[in-house]
Amino acid sequence: MYKKSKKVFPNSTANAFHEDGDVKILKATSEHASYLQHRLRSTDIRECMIHGSSPWRALHEPLANPDAITWTGLYKDEPVCMFGLSPILSHSEINCGIVWMLGSNVIDENPLKFVRVSINMVNYMISVYDTIENVVPLDHEHTIKWLCSLGFMFAEEPTIINGFSCLRFVRCTDSITVRFQ
């Protein structure tokens, strides 16, 4: 009897880190960044502004960091998001990274495909780093709900960044315990 094999993540091909139907995850390029900088969701443009950055800078700078891992998510061969990890602390006992993602409205138009892949990507990322973290504006409720579904924990008190209330979020491997202060 023939058994169907479960698809393994990442389902790498010669041209993609992961490929599943209309969805591909590739190593990000400056062409992807240039395409997306003019198509970001308004909430993502606002996050760039809160951090004192432009969309161009936020998308291109990680590409210049040799220690960063940066991917592009494609839907039907159109770049719809860029995301990645940048190291913030690395020594013999723990490796910590900043996780980030900026995307276009196409993500919101195809939420099921996006959520399924994002769960797998975050699980992959936490296998690369012991902890991954960042901040999200307190009023970005949709993003906070999505991050909760991905297993992130949130600080109880907001952090003020350039006058805006943000929540720190973190996800750790099972062997790490986090205390927010």
N, C-alpha and C. Protein backbone atom coordinates (compact mmCIF):
# COMPACT_ATOMS: atom_id res chain seq x y z
N MET A 1 0.83 -1.18 0.00
CA MET A 1 0.00 0.00 0.00
C MET A 1 0.88 1.25 0.00
N TYR A 2 0.57 2.21 -0.81
CA TYR A 2 1.32 3.45 -0.94
C TYR A 2 0.85 4.44 0.11
N LYS A 3 1.78 5.00 0.85
CA LYS A 3 1.46 6.03 1.84
C LYS A 3 1.91 7.37 1.32
N LYS A 4 1.04 8.35 1.49
CA LYS A 4 1.43 9.72 1.15
C LYS A 4 2.43 10.20 2.18
N SER A 5 3.49 10.81 1.71
CA SER A 5 4.45 11.37 2.67
C SER A 5 4.02 12.79 3.01
N LYS A 6 4.21 13.16 4.27
CA LYS A 6 3.91 14.53 4.69
C LYS A 6 4.96 15.46 4.12
N LYS A 7 4.52 16.63 3.69
CA LYS A 7 5.48 17.61 3.20
C LYS A 7 6.31 18.10 4.37
N VAL A 8 7.58 18.18 4.15
CA VAL A 8 8.50 18.63 5.18
C VAL A 8 8.79 20.10 4.95
N PHE A 9 8.94 20.83 6.04
CA PHE A 9 9.30 22.23 5.93
C PHE A 9 10.75 22.39 6.36
N PRO A 10 11.56 23.07 5.62
CA PRO A 10 11.26 23.68 4.34
C PRO A 10 11.28 22.67 3.21
N ASN A 11 10.40 22.88 2.26
CA ASN A 11 10.34 22.06 1.06
C ASN A 11 11.23 22.75 0.02
N SER A 12 12.53 22.59 0.20
CA SER A 12 13.51 23.31 -0.62
C SER A 12 13.60 22.73 -2.02
N THR A 13 13.84 23.63 -2.95
CA THR A 13 14.10 23.26 -4.33
C THR A 13 15.40 23.93 -4.75
N ALA A 14 15.80 23.71 -5.98
CA ALA A 14 17.03 24.34 -6.48
C ALA A 14 16.92 25.86 -6.47
N ASN A 15 15.70 26.38 -6.60
CA ASN A 15 15.50 27.82 -6.71
C ASN A 15 14.86 28.47 -5.49
N ALA A 16 14.46 27.68 -4.49
CA ALA A 16 13.72 28.26 -3.37
C ALA A 16 14.08 27.58 -2.06
N PHE A 17 14.06 28.36 -0.98
CA PHE A 17 14.21 27.81 0.37
C PHE A 17 13.01 26.92 0.69
N HIS A 18 11.82 27.37 0.27
CA HIS A 18 10.58 26.62 0.46
C HIS A 18 9.67 26.90 -0.72
N GLU A 19 8.99 25.86 -1.18
CA GLU A 19 8.05 26.03 -2.29
C GLU A 19 6.86 25.12 -2.06
N ASP A 20 5.67 25.69 -2.13
CA ASP A 20 4.44 24.93 -1.94
C ASP A 20 3.33 25.60 -2.75
N GLY A 21 3.08 25.09 -3.93
CA GLY A 21 2.04 25.67 -4.78
C GLY A 21 2.39 27.07 -5.21
N ASP A 22 1.48 28.02 -4.91
CA ASP A 22 1.67 29.43 -5.30
C ASP A 22 2.62 30.18 -4.38
N VAL A 23 3.06 29.55 -3.30
CA VAL A 23 3.89 30.22 -2.29
C VAL A 23 5.34 29.75 -2.41
N LYS A 24 6.25 30.72 -2.46
CA LYS A 24 7.69 30.43 -2.47
C LYS A 24 8.37 31.35 -1.48
N ILE A 25 9.42 30.82 -0.86
CA ILE A 25 10.28 31.63 -0.02
C ILE A 25 11.68 31.53 -0.60
N LEU A 26 12.22 32.69 -0.95
CA LEU A 26 13.54 32.78 -1.57
C LEU A 26 14.48 33.62 -0.72
N LYS A 27 15.76 33.48 -0.98
CA LYS A 27 16.73 34.41 -0.41
C LYS A 27 16.40 35.79 -0.99
N ALA A 28 16.30 36.79 -0.13
CA ALA A 28 15.90 38.13 -0.57
C ALA A 28 16.99 38.79 -1.40
N THR A 29 16.55 39.63 -2.31
CA THR A 29 17.47 40.40 -3.17
C THR A 29 17.10 41.88 -3.11
N SER A 30 18.00 42.71 -3.58
CA SER A 30 17.71 44.15 -3.63
C SER A 30 16.55 44.44 -4.59
N GLU A 31 16.36 43.60 -5.60
CA GLU A 31 15.23 43.78 -6.51
C GLU A 31 13.90 43.57 -5.78
N HIS A 32 13.87 42.56 -4.90
CA HIS A 32 12.66 42.34 -4.09
C HIS A 32 12.40 43.55 -3.21
N ALA A 33 13.45 44.06 -2.57
CA ALA A 33 13.30 45.21 -1.68
C ALA A 33 12.82 46.44 -2.45
N SER A 34 13.38 46.66 -3.63
CA SER A 34 12.97 47.81 -4.44
C SER A 34 11.50 47.69 -4.87
N TYR A 35 11.07 46.49 -5.18
CA TYR A 35 9.68 46.26 -5.57
C TYR A 35 8.74 46.52 -4.38
N LEU A 36 9.08 45.96 -3.22
CA LEU A 36 8.20 46.05 -2.06
C LEU A 36 8.16 47.43 -1.41
N GLN A 37 9.23 48.20 -1.52
CA GLN A 37 9.27 49.48 -0.81
C GLN A 37 8.11 50.39 -1.18
N HIS A 38 7.55 50.23 -2.36
CA HIS A 38 6.43 51.07 -2.82
C HIS A 38 5.08 50.40 -2.62
N ARG A 39 5.07 49.19 -2.04
CA ARG A 39 3.84 48.42 -1.92
C ARG A 39 3.53 47.98 -0.48
N LEU A 40 4.26 48.50 0.49
CA LEU A 40 4.06 48.09 1.87
C LEU A 40 2.69 48.53 2.39
N ARG A 41 2.15 47.72 3.31
CA ARG A 41 0.91 48.08 3.99
C ARG A 41 1.14 49.36 4.80
N SER A 42 0.10 50.11 5.02
CA SER A 42 0.23 51.36 5.78
C SER A 42 0.75 51.11 7.19
N THR A 43 0.36 50.00 7.82
CA THR A 43 0.86 49.69 9.16
C THR A 43 2.37 49.43 9.14
N ASP A 44 2.87 48.81 8.08
CA ASP A 44 4.30 48.55 7.98
C ASP A 44 5.09 49.84 7.71
N ILE A 45 4.52 50.73 6.91
CA ILE A 45 5.16 52.03 6.68
C ILE A 45 5.23 52.79 7.99
N ARG A 46 4.16 52.72 8.78
CA ARG A 46 4.13 53.39 10.09
C ARG A 46 5.19 52.81 11.02
N GLU A 47 5.36 51.48 11.03
CA GLU A 47 6.39 50.87 11.87
C GLU A 47 7.78 51.36 11.47
N CYS A 48 8.02 51.46 10.17
CA CYS A 48 9.31 52.00 9.71
C CYS A 48 9.51 53.40 10.28
N MET A 49 8.48 54.23 10.18
CA MET A 49 8.55 55.60 10.67
C MET A 49 8.81 55.64 12.17
N ILE A 50 8.13 54.78 12.94
CA ILE A 50 8.33 54.74 14.39
C ILE A 50 9.79 54.45 14.72
N HIS A 51 10.42 53.61 13.93
CA HIS A 51 11.82 53.24 14.17
C HIS A 51 12.80 54.21 13.51
N GLY A 52 12.27 55.29 12.94
CA GLY A 52 13.15 56.29 12.34
C GLY A 52 13.75 55.84 11.03
N SER A 53 13.02 55.02 10.29
CA SER A 53 13.54 54.46 9.05
C SER A 53 12.56 54.70 7.91
N SER A 54 13.06 54.61 6.71
CA SER A 54 12.21 54.64 5.53
C SER A 54 11.97 53.20 5.09
N PRO A 55 10.93 52.94 4.30
CA PRO A 55 10.76 51.58 3.77
C PRO A 55 11.98 51.11 2.99
N TRP A 56 12.58 52.00 2.21
CA TRP A 56 13.78 51.61 1.45
C TRP A 56 14.85 51.10 2.39
N ARG A 57 15.15 51.88 3.41
CA ARG A 57 16.21 51.52 4.35
C ARG A 57 15.88 50.23 5.12
N ALA A 58 14.64 50.12 5.59
CA ALA A 58 14.25 48.94 6.37
C ALA A 58 14.35 47.66 5.55
N LEU A 59 14.10 47.73 4.26
CA LEU A 59 14.16 46.55 3.40
C LEU A 59 15.56 46.27 2.87
N HIS A 60 16.34 47.31 2.62
CA HIS A 60 17.67 47.12 2.03
C HIS A 60 18.77 46.87 3.05
N GLU A 61 18.70 47.49 4.22
CA GLU A 61 19.79 47.33 5.20
C GLU A 61 20.06 45.88 5.61
N PRO A 62 19.03 45.07 5.85
CA PRO A 62 19.34 43.68 6.23
C PRO A 62 20.11 42.92 5.15
N LEU A 63 19.94 43.31 3.90
CA LEU A 63 20.65 42.65 2.81
C LEU A 63 22.16 42.90 2.88
N ALA A 64 22.54 44.03 3.48
CA ALA A 64 23.96 44.38 3.58
C ALA A 64 24.63 43.78 4.81
N ASN A 65 23.84 43.19 5.70
CA ASN A 65 24.38 42.60 6.93
C ASN A 65 24.75 41.14 6.66
N PRO A 66 26.04 40.81 6.66
CA PRO A 66 26.43 39.43 6.33
C PRO A 66 25.98 38.40 7.38
N ASP A 67 25.64 38.86 8.58
CA ASP A 67 25.19 37.95 9.62
C ASP A 67 23.67 37.77 9.64
N ALA A 68 22.95 38.56 8.86
CA ALA A 68 21.49 38.48 8.83
C ALA A 68 21.04 37.39 7.86
N ILE A 69 19.85 36.87 8.13
CA ILE A 69 19.18 35.94 7.22
C ILE A 69 17.94 36.67 6.74
N THR A 70 17.82 36.88 5.44
CA THR A 70 16.70 37.65 4.89
C THR A 70 16.06 36.89 3.75
N TRP A 71 14.74 36.72 3.84
CA TRP A 71 13.97 36.00 2.81
C TRP A 71 12.93 36.92 2.20
N THR A 72 12.44 36.51 1.04
CA THR A 72 11.30 37.13 0.39
C THR A 72 10.23 36.07 0.22
N GLY A 73 9.01 36.44 0.59
CA GLY A 73 7.86 35.58 0.34
C GLY A 73 7.23 35.99 -0.97
N LEU A 74 7.04 35.02 -1.85
CA LEU A 74 6.38 35.27 -3.13
C LEU A 74 5.01 34.59 -3.13
N TYR A 75 4.03 35.24 -3.72
CA TYR A 75 2.73 34.63 -3.96
C TYR A 75 2.46 34.80 -5.45
N LYS A 76 2.31 33.68 -6.13
CA LYS A 76 2.15 33.69 -7.60
C LYS A 76 3.27 34.50 -8.25
N ASP A 77 4.49 34.28 -7.77
CA ASP A 77 5.72 34.90 -8.26
C ASP A 77 5.83 36.40 -8.03
N GLU A 78 4.95 36.98 -7.22
CA GLU A 78 5.04 38.40 -6.86
C GLU A 78 5.59 38.52 -5.44
N PRO A 79 6.62 39.33 -5.23
CA PRO A 79 7.09 39.56 -3.86
C PRO A 79 5.98 40.21 -3.03
N VAL A 80 5.61 39.56 -1.91
CA VAL A 80 4.54 40.08 -1.06
C VAL A 80 5.04 40.43 0.33
N CYS A 81 6.23 39.95 0.70
CA CYS A 81 6.80 40.31 1.99
C CYS A 81 8.29 40.00 1.99
N MET A 82 8.99 40.68 2.87
CA MET A 82 10.37 40.34 3.20
C MET A 82 10.43 40.20 4.70
N PHE A 83 11.26 39.29 5.17
CA PHE A 83 11.36 39.04 6.59
C PHE A 83 12.71 38.40 6.88
N GLY A 84 13.05 38.39 8.16
CA GLY A 84 14.32 37.77 8.48
C GLY A 84 14.70 37.86 9.93
N LEU A 85 15.97 37.53 10.15
CA LEU A 85 16.58 37.50 11.47
C LEU A 85 17.92 38.21 11.40
N SER A 86 18.18 39.00 12.43
CA SER A 86 19.49 39.63 12.58
C SER A 86 19.98 39.34 13.99
N PRO A 87 21.24 38.95 14.13
CA PRO A 87 21.74 38.62 15.47
C PRO A 87 21.86 39.87 16.35
N ILE A 88 21.52 39.70 17.65
CA ILE A 88 21.72 40.79 18.60
C ILE A 88 22.61 40.36 19.76
N LEU A 89 22.72 39.05 19.98
CA LEU A 89 23.57 38.53 21.05
C LEU A 89 23.93 37.10 20.69
N SER A 90 25.21 36.82 20.73
CA SER A 90 25.65 35.47 20.42
C SER A 90 26.87 35.14 21.26
N HIS A 91 26.75 34.12 22.07
CA HIS A 91 27.91 33.58 22.78
C HIS A 91 27.64 32.11 23.05
N SER A 92 28.50 31.49 23.78
CA SER A 92 28.44 30.03 23.93
C SER A 92 27.15 29.51 24.55
N GLU A 93 26.46 30.32 25.33
CA GLU A 93 25.27 29.84 26.02
C GLU A 93 23.96 30.20 25.34
N ILE A 94 23.91 31.29 24.59
CA ILE A 94 22.64 31.72 24.01
C ILE A 94 22.86 32.54 22.75
N ASN A 95 21.97 32.38 21.80
CA ASN A 95 21.96 33.16 20.57
C ASN A 95 20.60 33.83 20.46
N CYS A 96 20.61 35.17 20.37
CA CYS A 96 19.36 35.93 20.29
C CYS A 96 19.33 36.69 18.96
N GLY A 97 18.14 36.78 18.39
CA GLY A 97 18.00 37.50 17.14
C GLY A 97 16.76 38.37 17.12
N ILE A 98 16.84 39.41 16.30
CA ILE A 98 15.68 40.27 16.02
C ILE A 98 14.96 39.65 14.83
N VAL A 99 13.67 39.44 14.99
CA VAL A 99 12.84 38.92 13.91
C VAL A 99 12.01 40.10 13.37
N TRP A 100 11.82 40.15 12.07
CA TRP A 100 11.07 41.25 11.48
C TRP A 100 10.37 40.77 10.22
N MET A 101 9.34 41.51 9.82
CA MET A 101 8.62 41.22 8.58
C MET A 101 7.91 42.49 8.12
N LEU A 102 8.03 42.79 6.85
CA LEU A 102 7.31 43.88 6.22
C LEU A 102 6.64 43.33 4.97
N GLY A 103 5.36 43.71 4.74
CA GLY A 103 4.67 43.11 3.61
C GLY A 103 3.66 44.03 2.95
N SER A 104 3.13 43.52 1.85
CA SER A 104 2.13 44.24 1.07
C SER A 104 0.73 43.77 1.47
N ASN A 105 -0.28 44.42 0.93
CA ASN A 105 -1.67 44.05 1.20
C ASN A 105 -2.03 42.67 0.67
N VAL A 106 -1.23 42.13 -0.24
CA VAL A 106 -1.51 40.79 -0.79
C VAL A 106 -1.53 39.76 0.34
N ILE A 107 -0.73 39.97 1.38
CA ILE A 107 -0.73 39.07 2.54
C ILE A 107 -2.10 39.03 3.18
N ASP A 108 -2.70 40.19 3.38
CA ASP A 108 -4.02 40.27 4.02
C ASP A 108 -5.12 39.72 3.12
N GLU A 109 -4.89 39.70 1.83
CA GLU A 109 -5.87 39.16 0.88
C GLU A 109 -5.81 37.64 0.80
N ASN A 110 -4.75 37.02 1.31
CA ASN A 110 -4.56 35.57 1.29
C ASN A 110 -4.11 35.09 2.67
N PRO A 111 -4.92 35.33 3.70
CA PRO A 111 -4.46 35.08 5.07
C PRO A 111 -4.17 33.62 5.39
N LEU A 112 -4.92 32.68 4.86
CA LEU A 112 -4.69 31.27 5.21
C LEU A 112 -3.33 30.79 4.73
N LYS A 113 -2.97 31.13 3.50
CA LYS A 113 -1.66 30.73 2.98
C LYS A 113 -0.55 31.38 3.80
N PHE A 114 -0.73 32.65 4.13
CA PHE A 114 0.27 33.38 4.88
C PHE A 114 0.45 32.81 6.28
N VAL A 115 -0.64 32.55 6.99
CA VAL A 115 -0.55 32.04 8.36
C VAL A 115 0.10 30.67 8.39
N ARG A 116 -0.28 29.79 7.47
CA ARG A 116 0.30 28.44 7.45
C ARG A 116 1.81 28.49 7.26
N VAL A 117 2.28 29.29 6.33
CA VAL A 117 3.72 29.39 6.09
C VAL A 117 4.41 30.11 7.24
N SER A 118 3.77 31.13 7.80
CA SER A 118 4.42 31.88 8.88
C SER A 118 4.62 31.01 10.12
N ILE A 119 3.69 30.11 10.41
CA ILE A 119 3.88 29.18 11.53
C ILE A 119 5.12 28.34 11.31
N ASN A 120 5.25 27.78 10.12
CA ASN A 120 6.43 26.96 9.81
C ASN A 120 7.71 27.77 9.83
N MET A 121 7.67 29.00 9.32
CA MET A 121 8.88 29.84 9.30
C MET A 121 9.33 30.20 10.72
N VAL A 122 8.39 30.56 11.59
CA VAL A 122 8.77 30.92 12.95
C VAL A 122 9.35 29.70 13.67
N ASN A 123 8.76 28.54 13.45
CA ASN A 123 9.31 27.32 14.05
C ASN A 123 10.72 27.05 13.52
N TYR A 124 10.96 27.32 12.25
CA TYR A 124 12.30 27.18 11.69
C TYR A 124 13.25 28.20 12.32
N MET A 125 12.80 29.45 12.43
CA MET A 125 13.65 30.52 12.98
C MET A 125 14.07 30.20 14.41
N ILE A 126 13.17 29.65 15.19
CA ILE A 126 13.50 29.36 16.59
C ILE A 126 14.44 28.16 16.67
N SER A 127 14.62 27.45 15.58
CA SER A 127 15.65 26.40 15.55
C SER A 127 17.02 26.99 15.22
N VAL A 128 17.05 28.21 14.68
CA VAL A 128 18.30 28.90 14.34
C VAL A 128 18.80 29.71 15.53
N TYR A 129 17.89 30.34 16.26
CA TYR A 129 18.21 31.16 17.43
C TYR A 129 17.50 30.60 18.66
N ASP A 130 18.10 30.83 19.84
CA ASP A 130 17.46 30.42 21.08
C ASP A 130 16.27 31.31 21.42
N THR A 131 16.40 32.60 21.15
CA THR A 131 15.30 33.54 21.33
C THR A 131 15.22 34.46 20.13
N ILE A 132 14.01 34.80 19.75
CA ILE A 132 13.78 35.80 18.71
C ILE A 132 12.80 36.83 19.28
N GLU A 133 13.05 38.08 18.98
CA GLU A 133 12.25 39.14 19.59
C GLU A 133 12.22 40.38 18.74
N ASN A 134 11.32 41.29 19.10
CA ASN A 134 11.23 42.61 18.51
C ASN A 134 10.16 43.37 19.27
N VAL A 135 9.71 44.48 18.71
CA VAL A 135 8.62 45.25 19.28
C VAL A 135 7.57 45.49 18.21
N VAL A 136 6.34 45.71 18.65
CA VAL A 136 5.23 46.00 17.76
C VAL A 136 4.45 47.16 18.37
N PRO A 137 4.00 48.12 17.55
CA PRO A 137 3.18 49.21 18.10
C PRO A 137 1.96 48.64 18.83
N LEU A 138 1.67 49.21 19.98
CA LEU A 138 0.59 48.74 20.84
C LEU A 138 -0.76 48.74 20.15
N ASP A 139 -0.96 49.67 19.22
CA ASP A 139 -2.26 49.77 18.55
C ASP A 139 -2.36 48.90 17.28
N HIS A 140 -1.35 48.11 16.98
CA HIS A 140 -1.41 47.21 15.82
C HIS A 140 -1.99 45.86 16.27
N GLU A 141 -3.28 45.91 16.62
CA GLU A 141 -3.96 44.76 17.22
C GLU A 141 -3.95 43.52 16.33
N HIS A 142 -4.10 43.71 15.03
CA HIS A 142 -4.09 42.58 14.09
C HIS A 142 -2.74 41.86 14.13
N THR A 143 -1.67 42.62 14.14
CA THR A 143 -0.33 42.04 14.19
C THR A 143 -0.10 41.33 15.53
N ILE A 144 -0.56 41.93 16.61
CA ILE A 144 -0.40 41.31 17.93
C ILE A 144 -1.15 39.99 17.99
N LYS A 145 -2.34 39.93 17.44
CA LYS A 145 -3.12 38.69 17.42
C LYS A 145 -2.38 37.61 16.62
N TRP A 146 -1.81 37.99 15.48
CA TRP A 146 -1.05 37.06 14.65
C TRP A 146 0.18 36.55 15.40
N LEU A 147 0.91 37.47 16.06
CA LEU A 147 2.10 37.06 16.82
C LEU A 147 1.72 36.12 17.97
N CYS A 148 0.60 36.38 18.63
CA CYS A 148 0.12 35.46 19.68
C CYS A 148 -0.11 34.07 19.11
N SER A 149 -0.71 33.99 17.92
CA SER A 149 -0.98 32.68 17.31
C SER A 149 0.30 31.95 16.94
N LEU A 150 1.41 32.69 16.82
CA LEU A 150 2.71 32.09 16.50
C LEU A 150 3.50 31.71 17.75
N GLY A 151 2.91 31.91 18.92
CA GLY A 151 3.54 31.49 20.16
C GLY A 151 4.44 32.52 20.82
N PHE A 152 4.35 33.78 20.42
CA PHE A 152 5.15 34.82 21.06
C PHE A 152 4.51 35.25 22.37
N MET A 153 5.35 35.63 23.32
CA MET A 153 4.91 36.21 24.59
C MET A 153 5.17 37.71 24.53
N PHE A 154 4.39 38.46 25.32
CA PHE A 154 4.47 39.92 25.28
C PHE A 154 4.79 40.48 26.66
N ALA A 155 5.53 41.58 26.67
CA ALA A 155 5.78 42.30 27.90
C ALA A 155 4.46 42.88 28.40
N GLU A 156 4.35 43.03 29.71
CA GLU A 156 3.13 43.59 30.27
C GLU A 156 3.08 45.10 30.13
N GLU A 157 4.24 45.74 30.20
CA GLU A 157 4.31 47.20 30.11
C GLU A 157 4.86 47.61 28.75
N PRO A 158 4.29 48.66 28.16
CA PRO A 158 4.80 49.12 26.87
C PRO A 158 6.19 49.75 26.98
N THR A 159 6.89 49.71 25.88
CA THR A 159 8.17 50.39 25.70
C THR A 159 7.90 51.58 24.80
N ILE A 160 8.43 52.73 25.13
CA ILE A 160 8.22 53.92 24.31
C ILE A 160 9.38 54.04 23.32
N ILE A 161 9.04 54.07 22.05
CA ILE A 161 10.04 54.23 20.98
C ILE A 161 9.65 55.46 20.18
N ASN A 162 10.51 56.46 20.22
CA ASN A 162 10.27 57.72 19.51
C ASN A 162 8.87 58.28 19.78
N GLY A 163 8.41 58.15 21.03
CA GLY A 163 7.12 58.70 21.44
C GLY A 163 5.93 57.78 21.21
N PHE A 164 6.15 56.57 20.69
CA PHE A 164 5.06 55.63 20.41
C PHE A 164 5.12 54.46 21.37
N SER A 165 3.98 54.04 21.89
CA SER A 165 3.90 52.88 22.77
C SER A 165 3.99 51.60 21.95
N CYS A 166 4.96 50.77 22.31
CA CYS A 166 5.16 49.50 21.63
C CYS A 166 5.25 48.38 22.67
N LEU A 167 4.93 47.17 22.24
CA LEU A 167 5.07 46.00 23.10
C LEU A 167 6.23 45.15 22.61
N ARG A 168 7.08 44.78 23.54
CA ARG A 168 8.16 43.84 23.22
C ARG A 168 7.55 42.45 23.16
N PHE A 169 7.92 41.68 22.14
CA PHE A 169 7.48 40.30 22.05
C PHE A 169 8.69 39.40 21.88
N VAL A 170 8.57 38.17 22.38
CA VAL A 170 9.70 37.24 22.36
C VAL A 170 9.17 35.81 22.25
N ARG A 171 9.94 34.99 21.57
CA ARG A 171 9.69 33.55 21.55
C ARG A 171 11.02 32.86 21.78
N CYS A 172 11.00 31.84 22.61
CA CYS A 172 12.22 31.15 23.00
C CYS A 172 12.11 29.66 22.71
N THR A 173 13.27 29.03 22.62
CA THR A 173 13.27 27.57 22.57
C THR A 173 12.74 27.09 23.92
N ASP A 174 12.34 25.86 23.98
CA ASP A 174 11.78 25.30 25.22
C ASP A 174 12.74 25.35 26.39
N SER A 175 14.03 25.38 26.13
CA SER A 175 15.01 25.34 27.23
C SER A 175 15.32 26.72 27.82
N ILE A 176 14.73 27.78 27.27
CA ILE A 176 15.00 29.14 27.72
C ILE A 176 13.77 29.69 28.43
N THR A 177 13.97 30.37 29.55
CA THR A 177 12.91 31.05 30.26
C THR A 177 13.16 32.55 30.18
N VAL A 178 12.12 33.30 29.89
CA VAL A 178 12.28 34.75 29.76
C VAL A 178 11.52 35.46 30.88
N ARG A 179 12.17 36.47 31.45
CA ARG A 179 11.52 37.35 32.42
C ARG A 179 11.58 38.76 31.84
N PHE A 180 10.41 39.37 31.67
CA PHE A 180 10.38 40.76 31.23
C PHE A 180 10.59 41.64 32.44
N GLN A 181 11.37 42.69 32.23
CA GLN A 181 11.59 43.65 33.32
C GLN A 181 11.17 45.02 32.88
